[in-house]
């Protein structure tokens, strides 16, 4: 899976075995994903990458940042 992410988006996501999603309420009342935390070693393992997303006033994805 991580190789697919690397190939399709141009972002390098290190090898991982757990994802945690954080949501933020959007203008239309639905929850949008604001962060994805990638971990190696399960849910309490080492964080290997964090993707942060922001949305515009139309609830469209505006930015995506990989740390």
Protein backbone atom coordinates (compact mmCIF):
# COMPACT_ATOMS: atom_id res chain seq x y z
CA UNK A 1 0.00 0.00 0.00
CA UNK A 2 2.73 2.49 0.88
CA UNK A 3 4.36 1.95 -2.53
CA UNK A 4 1.04 2.77 -4.22
CA UNK A 5 0.76 6.02 -2.26
CA UNK A 6 4.32 6.95 -3.21
CA UNK A 7 3.77 6.22 -6.89
CA UNK A 8 0.43 7.96 -7.33
CA UNK A 9 0.87 11.12 -5.33
CA UNK A 10 4.59 11.82 -5.43
CA UNK A 11 4.63 11.92 -1.62
CA UNK A 12 6.93 9.55 0.22
CA UNK A 13 5.11 7.76 3.03
CA UNK A 14 7.49 5.42 4.91
CA UNK A 15 6.53 1.82 5.61
CA UNK A 16 3.69 1.75 8.15
CA UNK A 17 1.12 -0.63 9.62
CA UNK A 18 -1.38 1.69 11.30
CA UNK A 19 -3.34 4.84 10.33
CA UNK A 20 -5.15 7.27 12.64
CA UNK A 21 -7.61 9.78 11.19
CA UNK A 22 -8.57 13.09 12.82
CA UNK A 23 -11.72 14.83 11.61
CA UNK A 24 -12.86 18.45 11.62
CA UNK A 25 -16.44 19.67 11.14
CA UNK A 26 -17.01 21.32 7.78
CA UNK A 27 -19.44 24.02 6.71
CA UNK A 28 -21.96 21.51 5.37
CA UNK A 29 -22.12 19.63 8.67
CA UNK A 30 -20.08 16.63 7.61
CA UNK A 31 -16.70 15.70 9.01
CA UNK A 32 -13.67 16.11 6.78
CA UNK A 33 -10.36 14.39 7.49
CA UNK A 34 -7.91 16.96 8.83
CA UNK A 35 -4.93 14.71 9.59
CA UNK A 36 -3.73 11.20 8.85
CA UNK A 37 -1.05 9.88 11.17
CA UNK A 38 1.00 6.96 9.86
CA UNK A 39 2.62 4.67 12.46
CA UNK A 40 4.95 1.71 12.44
CA UNK A 41 4.42 -0.75 15.29
CA UNK A 42 0.66 -0.53 15.72
CA UNK A 43 -1.61 2.09 17.24
CA UNK A 44 0.92 3.15 19.88
CA UNK A 45 3.96 2.74 17.64
CA UNK A 46 6.37 5.26 16.20
CA UNK A 47 4.88 8.03 14.04
CA UNK A 48 6.58 7.89 10.64
CA UNK A 49 4.57 10.57 8.81
CA UNK A 50 1.65 12.97 9.27
CA UNK A 51 -0.47 14.32 6.43
CA UNK A 52 -2.41 17.52 7.21
CA UNK A 53 -5.26 18.73 5.01
CA UNK A 54 -7.08 22.04 4.88
CA UNK A 55 -10.32 22.89 3.10
CA UNK A 56 -11.72 26.03 1.48
CA UNK A 57 -15.11 27.60 2.21
CA UNK A 58 -16.75 25.19 -0.29
CA UNK A 59 -15.40 22.20 1.68
CA UNK A 60 -13.03 21.35 -1.16
CA UNK A 61 -9.52 20.15 -0.36
CA UNK A 62 -7.25 23.18 -0.48
CA UNK A 63 -3.85 22.02 0.81
CA UNK A 64 -2.14 18.77 1.68
CA UNK A 65 1.09 18.83 3.69
CA UNK A 66 3.33 15.89 4.54
CA UNK A 67 5.54 16.09 7.63
